[in-house]
Amino acid sequence: MKVEIKGYNEQYGQGVLACLKNNYPWMAEMSDEELYHWAMPFMEYEWKEELPDEIKEFQHGIVFLAGQQVVGYLGFIYAKRHWQGYEYVYQNGTTWAVNEGYRIYLFKALKQANGLADVLGDFSPIKSVEETLTKVFKFKYIDRKVYRFYPVPCFHEKLTYQVIRDENDLADEVLKTEFHDHHPYGVCCLRISDGKKEGFIFYRVKHRLWKKRKIFRKRRSILIVLKLTNPDLFYDHYREIVWHLQKGEHPYVEIDPRFIGSHSLHGFGIKEKTVVRLGLDKTGRDIPIDLLYSEEAIMP
């Protein structure tokens, strides 16, 4: 049977849920209502800046149709972004599910989806997706580890902190838009100053379950840094800044090494955790890839 590749819209909602359940055992244990609530961020998101018309059809992903049946779904997040006055389209891959027997169409669908964006990222691919993106589509490893900070008190604060509560508290138009888009998903923005220089940190707290424990399973919170605007300021004061974040009862803080440029972090309370962060910049401008407008920023 011929398979059609189309952009996702709400008429395919039930078919996508069935496809997700068919490919992920833990999703199969959820009700349709629970699963849709979990998937809603990438299936319904809207941003302040509209996407180009050629992307809107595929804004919330791609479906594979065998007749009227959904046999595959590739979730994507697209966003119009700005860097040093340059406007570009960013794409991030989210949850992908393709039924057995139809995975041959994955390459065609990915080629179509990737052609819509200038900068692409995937931050949590399974091994098969990692191999496809790096070997076929030439994605690069932009980080293979993250720094994880464990609580180490710092009692001498030299900096001032301001929690941003309204986009109008930000003077920079790009930061305003990023705050506007992410605030509904629980993303926080913190202004940090040493009296001369300032920087902004976007972060989100995720609550995760100890999946491998059969008893005493409990949730732990991990504060994930999504964007950092002043790497040097952070590096000069990272002990204090991290402890300021941890005092909000979030014992673990994670930050991607590329956010702090050429600096490296070592010492008591800092461990390196293996991850796979993939990116592809087709602009030739070496645009830094952060974690905003990605599954790390909006997914539960």
Protein backbone atom coordinates (compact mmCIF):
# COMPACT_ATOMS: atom_id res chain seq x y z
CA MET A 1 0.00 0.00 0.00
CA LYS A 2 1.26 3.45 -0.87
CA VAL A 3 2.33 5.51 2.14
CA GLU A 4 1.67 9.27 2.19
CA ILE A 5 3.75 11.71 4.21
CA LYS A 6 1.75 14.68 5.50
CA GLY A 7 1.96 17.38 8.12
CA TYR A 8 0.27 16.60 11.44
CA ASN A 9 -3.05 18.19 12.31
CA GLU A 10 -5.69 17.38 14.92
CA GLN A 11 -7.63 14.97 12.66
CA TYR A 12 -4.71 12.54 13.06
CA GLY A 13 -4.61 12.89 16.85
CA GLN A 14 -6.09 9.51 17.78
CA GLY A 15 -4.00 7.73 15.17
CA VAL A 16 -0.81 9.32 16.51
CA LEU A 17 -1.67 8.28 20.07
CA ALA A 18 -2.23 4.69 18.88
CA CYS A 19 1.09 4.79 17.02
CA LEU A 20 2.93 6.11 20.09
CA LYS A 21 1.42 3.38 22.25
CA ASN A 22 2.43 0.77 19.69
CA ASN A 23 6.06 1.88 19.85
CA TYR A 24 6.58 2.81 23.52
CA PRO A 25 5.50 0.26 26.17
CA TRP A 26 5.31 2.90 28.92
CA MET A 27 2.94 4.97 26.81
CA ALA A 28 0.73 1.94 26.26
CA GLU A 29 0.06 1.95 30.00
CA MET A 30 -1.45 5.45 29.83
CA SER A 31 -4.98 6.41 28.89
CA ASP A 32 -5.45 8.39 25.67
CA GLU A 33 -6.28 11.46 27.74
CA GLU A 34 -3.12 11.13 29.85
CA LEU A 35 -0.92 10.55 26.83
CA TYR A 36 -2.34 13.48 24.90
CA HIS A 37 -1.80 15.74 27.91
CA TRP A 38 1.84 14.60 27.98
CA ALA A 39 2.29 15.16 24.22
CA MET A 40 0.33 18.42 24.06
CA PRO A 41 3.37 20.75 24.30
CA PHE A 42 4.82 19.62 20.96
CA MET A 43 1.48 18.88 19.30
CA GLU A 44 -0.10 22.27 20.04
CA TYR A 45 2.63 24.84 20.72
CA GLU A 46 2.38 28.35 19.27
CA TRP A 47 5.06 31.04 19.40
CA LYS A 48 4.98 34.83 19.47
CA GLU A 49 6.66 35.03 16.06
CA GLU A 50 4.82 33.21 13.28
CA LEU A 51 6.63 30.60 11.27
CA PRO A 52 7.00 30.89 7.48
CA ASP A 53 4.03 29.52 5.53
CA GLU A 54 6.02 26.61 4.08
CA ILE A 55 6.67 25.30 7.61
CA LYS A 56 3.22 25.70 9.15
CA GLU A 57 1.89 22.47 7.61
CA PHE A 58 4.66 20.53 9.35
CA GLN A 59 4.90 22.69 12.47
CA HIS A 60 3.67 19.97 14.83
CA GLY A 61 5.26 17.02 13.11
CA ILE A 62 4.86 14.59 10.24
CA VAL A 63 2.54 11.59 9.92
CA PHE A 64 2.90 8.51 7.74
CA LEU A 65 -0.46 7.39 6.35
CA ALA A 66 -1.23 3.94 4.96
CA GLY A 67 -4.67 4.62 3.58
CA GLN A 68 -6.42 6.33 6.49
CA GLN A 69 -4.28 4.68 9.17
CA VAL A 70 -1.45 6.52 10.93
CA VAL A 71 1.56 4.21 10.84
CA GLY A 72 4.23 6.70 11.80
CA TYR A 73 4.75 10.04 13.52
CA LEU A 74 7.79 12.30 13.74
CA GLY A 75 7.40 15.13 16.23
CA PHE A 76 9.21 18.43 15.65
CA ILE A 77 9.42 21.86 17.22
CA TYR A 78 10.12 24.72 14.81
CA ALA A 79 10.82 28.31 15.79
CA LYS A 80 11.94 31.55 14.20
CA ARG A 81 15.01 32.74 16.08
CA HIS A 82 17.57 35.55 16.02
CA TRP A 83 21.31 35.71 16.61
CA GLN A 84 23.46 38.82 16.22
CA GLY A 85 20.83 40.39 13.98
CA TYR A 86 20.47 37.28 11.80
CA GLU A 87 17.06 35.58 11.52
CA TYR A 88 16.91 31.82 11.06
CA VAL A 89 14.54 28.89 11.47
CA TYR A 90 15.40 26.35 14.17
CA GLN A 91 14.14 22.76 14.36
CA ASN A 92 14.25 20.31 17.25
CA GLY A 93 13.22 16.67 17.05
CA THR A 94 10.91 15.29 19.74
CA THR A 95 9.12 11.94 20.08
CA TRP A 96 9.29 9.71 17.00
CA ALA A 97 7.29 6.53 16.46
CA VAL A 98 7.16 4.52 13.24
CA ASN A 99 5.50 1.11 13.08
CA GLU A 100 7.51 -1.88 11.95
CA GLY A 101 7.38 -2.32 8.19
CA TYR A 102 7.17 1.42 7.51
CA ARG A 103 10.56 2.61 8.79
CA ILE A 104 11.94 2.69 5.27
CA TYR A 105 10.04 5.98 4.84
CA LEU A 106 11.92 7.59 7.74
CA PHE A 107 14.73 8.90 5.53
CA LYS A 108 12.37 10.56 3.07
CA ALA A 109 10.40 12.22 5.86
CA LEU A 110 13.52 13.43 7.67
CA LYS A 111 14.97 14.87 4.48
CA GLN A 112 11.78 16.83 3.94
CA ALA A 113 11.58 18.03 7.55
CA ASN A 114 15.26 18.96 7.82
CA GLY A 115 15.07 20.95 4.61
CA LEU A 116 12.67 23.39 6.27
CA ALA A 117 15.16 24.69 8.86
CA ASP A 118 18.54 26.42 8.98
CA VAL A 119 19.73 25.08 12.34
CA LEU A 120 18.73 21.68 13.74
CA GLY A 121 19.12 19.98 17.09
CA ASP A 122 18.33 16.68 18.76
CA PHE A 123 19.23 16.31 22.43
CA SER A 124 17.97 12.88 23.49
CA PRO A 125 18.06 10.52 20.49
CA ILE A 126 17.88 6.77 20.91
CA LYS A 127 20.86 4.89 19.44
CA SER A 128 19.26 4.14 16.07
CA VAL A 129 18.21 7.77 15.60
CA GLU A 130 21.67 8.96 16.68
CA GLU A 131 23.27 6.78 14.00
CA THR A 132 20.83 7.95 11.33
CA LEU A 133 21.31 11.63 12.10
CA THR A 134 25.11 11.48 12.27
CA LYS A 135 25.83 9.05 9.43
CA VAL A 136 23.12 9.99 6.94
CA PHE A 137 22.24 13.60 7.72
CA LYS A 138 25.69 14.69 8.98
CA PHE A 139 24.64 16.00 12.37
CA LYS A 140 27.60 16.81 14.64
CA TYR A 141 28.12 16.04 18.31
CA ILE A 142 27.89 19.44 20.00
CA ASP A 143 28.23 18.00 23.52
CA ARG A 144 28.82 14.49 24.83
CA LYS A 145 28.47 15.36 28.49
CA VAL A 146 26.75 17.76 30.85
CA TYR A 147 28.05 19.13 34.12
CA ARG A 148 25.94 18.09 37.07
CA PHE A 149 26.34 20.08 40.29
CA TYR A 150 25.61 18.55 43.68
CA PRO A 151 24.92 20.79 46.68
CA VAL A 152 28.04 22.61 47.92
CA PRO A 153 27.15 25.65 50.07
CA CYS A 154 28.54 29.07 49.19
CA PHE A 155 27.98 31.59 51.96
CA HIS A 156 29.58 34.73 50.50
CA GLU A 157 27.29 36.26 47.88
CA LYS A 158 28.93 38.93 45.72
CA LEU A 159 26.22 39.12 43.05
CA THR A 160 22.71 40.51 42.83
CA TYR A 161 19.83 38.47 41.44
CA GLN A 162 16.50 39.45 39.92
CA VAL A 163 13.81 36.94 39.01
CA ILE A 164 12.18 38.07 35.77
CA ARG A 165 8.41 37.92 36.19
CA ASP A 166 7.26 39.89 33.14
CA GLU A 167 8.67 40.19 29.64
CA ASN A 168 8.63 43.97 30.01
CA ASP A 169 11.34 43.62 32.67
CA LEU A 170 13.68 42.73 29.80
CA ALA A 171 15.12 45.40 27.50
CA ASP A 172 16.42 43.04 24.82
CA GLU A 173 13.71 42.15 22.27
CA VAL A 174 15.06 38.64 21.64
CA LEU A 175 15.08 37.84 25.35
CA LYS A 176 11.56 39.28 25.64
CA THR A 177 10.28 36.92 22.97
CA GLU A 178 12.06 33.91 24.47
CA PHE A 179 10.61 34.67 27.90
CA HIS A 180 7.11 35.20 26.44
CA ASP A 181 7.20 31.86 24.62
CA HIS A 182 8.61 29.73 27.43
CA HIS A 183 7.06 31.18 30.58
CA PRO A 184 3.83 29.11 30.14
CA TYR A 185 5.94 25.93 30.29
CA GLY A 186 7.50 26.76 33.65
CA VAL A 187 10.76 28.17 32.27
CA CYS A 188 12.31 30.77 34.58
CA CYS A 189 14.65 33.65 33.78
CA LEU A 190 17.15 35.06 36.27
CA ARG A 191 19.14 38.30 35.86
CA ILE A 192 22.58 38.20 37.49
CA SER A 193 24.86 41.21 38.01
CA ASP A 194 28.24 41.89 39.61
CA GLY A 195 27.66 45.64 39.47
CA LYS A 196 29.45 46.08 36.15
CA LYS A 197 28.39 43.15 33.98
CA GLU A 198 25.12 41.27 33.81
CA GLY A 199 23.88 38.04 32.35
CA PHE A 200 20.66 36.05 32.09
CA ILE A 201 20.01 32.39 32.79
CA PHE A 202 16.95 30.60 31.43
CA TYR A 203 16.24 27.38 33.30
CA ARG A 204 13.55 24.84 34.03
CA VAL A 205 13.05 22.39 36.87
CA LYS A 206 12.14 18.86 35.84
CA HIS A 207 10.86 16.27 38.29
CA ARG A 208 12.07 12.82 37.43
CA LEU A 209 11.37 9.39 38.83
CA TRP A 210 14.02 6.88 39.89
CA LYS A 211 12.95 4.41 37.19
CA LYS A 212 15.43 1.64 38.01
CA ARG A 213 14.43 1.34 41.65
CA LYS A 214 11.78 -1.26 42.43
CA ILE A 215 11.28 0.03 45.95
CA PHE A 216 11.64 3.50 47.47
CA ARG A 217 10.97 5.03 44.06
CA LYS A 218 10.73 8.76 44.47
CA ARG A 219 10.88 11.90 42.42
CA ARG A 220 13.93 14.12 42.35
CA SER A 221 14.19 17.55 40.87
CA ILE A 222 16.84 18.56 38.33
CA LEU A 223 17.31 22.19 37.42
CA ILE A 224 18.36 22.32 33.76
CA VAL A 225 20.04 25.42 32.38
CA LEU A 226 18.53 26.12 28.95
CA LYS A 227 20.37 29.28 27.94
CA LEU A 228 23.18 31.42 29.35
CA THR A 229 23.97 34.88 27.97
CA ASN A 230 27.26 35.66 29.75
CA PRO A 231 29.61 32.64 29.97
CA ASP A 232 32.46 34.60 31.58
CA LEU A 233 30.28 35.97 34.37
CA PHE A 234 28.96 32.48 35.07
CA TYR A 235 32.44 30.94 35.10
CA ASP A 236 33.84 33.60 37.44
CA HIS A 237 31.06 33.00 39.98
CA TYR A 238 29.65 29.55 39.20
CA ARG A 239 29.88 28.27 42.79
CA GLU A 240 27.76 31.14 44.05
CA ILE A 241 25.31 31.10 41.14
CA VAL A 242 24.71 27.35 41.35
CA TRP A 243 24.23 27.49 45.11
CA HIS A 244 21.73 30.35 44.65
CA LEU A 245 19.76 28.10 42.29
CA GLN A 246 20.03 25.08 44.58
CA LYS A 247 18.69 26.94 47.61
CA GLY A 248 15.26 26.69 45.99
CA GLU A 249 15.25 23.00 47.00
CA HIS A 250 16.57 21.80 43.66
CA PRO A 251 19.66 19.80 44.66
CA TYR A 252 20.84 18.93 41.14
CA VAL A 253 21.79 21.56 38.56
CA GLU A 254 22.85 20.62 35.02
CA ILE A 255 24.52 22.77 32.37
CA ASP A 256 25.85 21.92 28.92
CA PRO A 257 29.60 22.64 28.54
CA ARG A 258 29.12 24.61 25.30
CA PHE A 259 27.20 27.24 27.26
CA ILE A 260 30.43 28.31 28.99
CA GLY A 261 32.61 28.36 25.88
CA SER A 262 36.27 27.45 26.39
CA HIS A 263 35.97 27.26 30.16
CA SER A 264 35.94 23.90 31.93
CA LEU A 265 34.65 23.05 35.39
CA HIS A 266 36.22 20.68 37.88
CA GLY A 267 36.16 20.12 41.60
CA PHE A 268 34.18 18.83 44.52
CA GLY A 269 30.47 18.53 43.85
CA ILE A 270 30.80 18.59 40.04
CA LYS A 271 30.36 15.43 37.99
CA GLU A 272 30.15 14.81 34.27
CA LYS A 273 27.10 12.96 32.98
CA THR A 274 27.15 11.34 29.54
CA VAL A 275 24.59 12.66 27.06
CA VAL A 276 24.12 12.89 23.30
CA ARG A 277 23.63 16.43 22.02
CA LEU A 278 23.45 16.62 18.24
CA GLY A 279 23.27 19.71 16.06
CA LEU A 280 23.54 20.83 12.46
CA ASP A 281 24.13 24.46 11.49
CA LYS A 282 23.54 24.93 7.78
CA THR A 283 24.10 28.70 7.90
CA GLY A 284 27.89 28.64 8.20
CA ARG A 285 27.64 31.26 10.97
CA ASP A 286 28.48 29.00 13.94
CA ILE A 287 25.19 29.84 15.63
CA PRO A 288 25.23 28.61 19.24
CA ILE A 289 22.56 25.97 19.86
CA ASP A 290 20.88 26.32 23.24
CA LEU A 291 18.01 24.30 24.73
CA LEU A 292 15.19 26.78 24.26
CA TYR A 293 12.46 25.81 21.78
CA SER A 294 13.30 22.15 22.41
CA GLU A 295 11.83 19.18 24.23
CA GLU A 296 14.08 20.03 27.20
CA ALA A 297 12.28 23.36 27.57
CA ILE A 298 8.63 22.40 27.07
CA MET A 299 8.23 18.65 27.67
CA PRO A 300 7.14 17.26 31.07
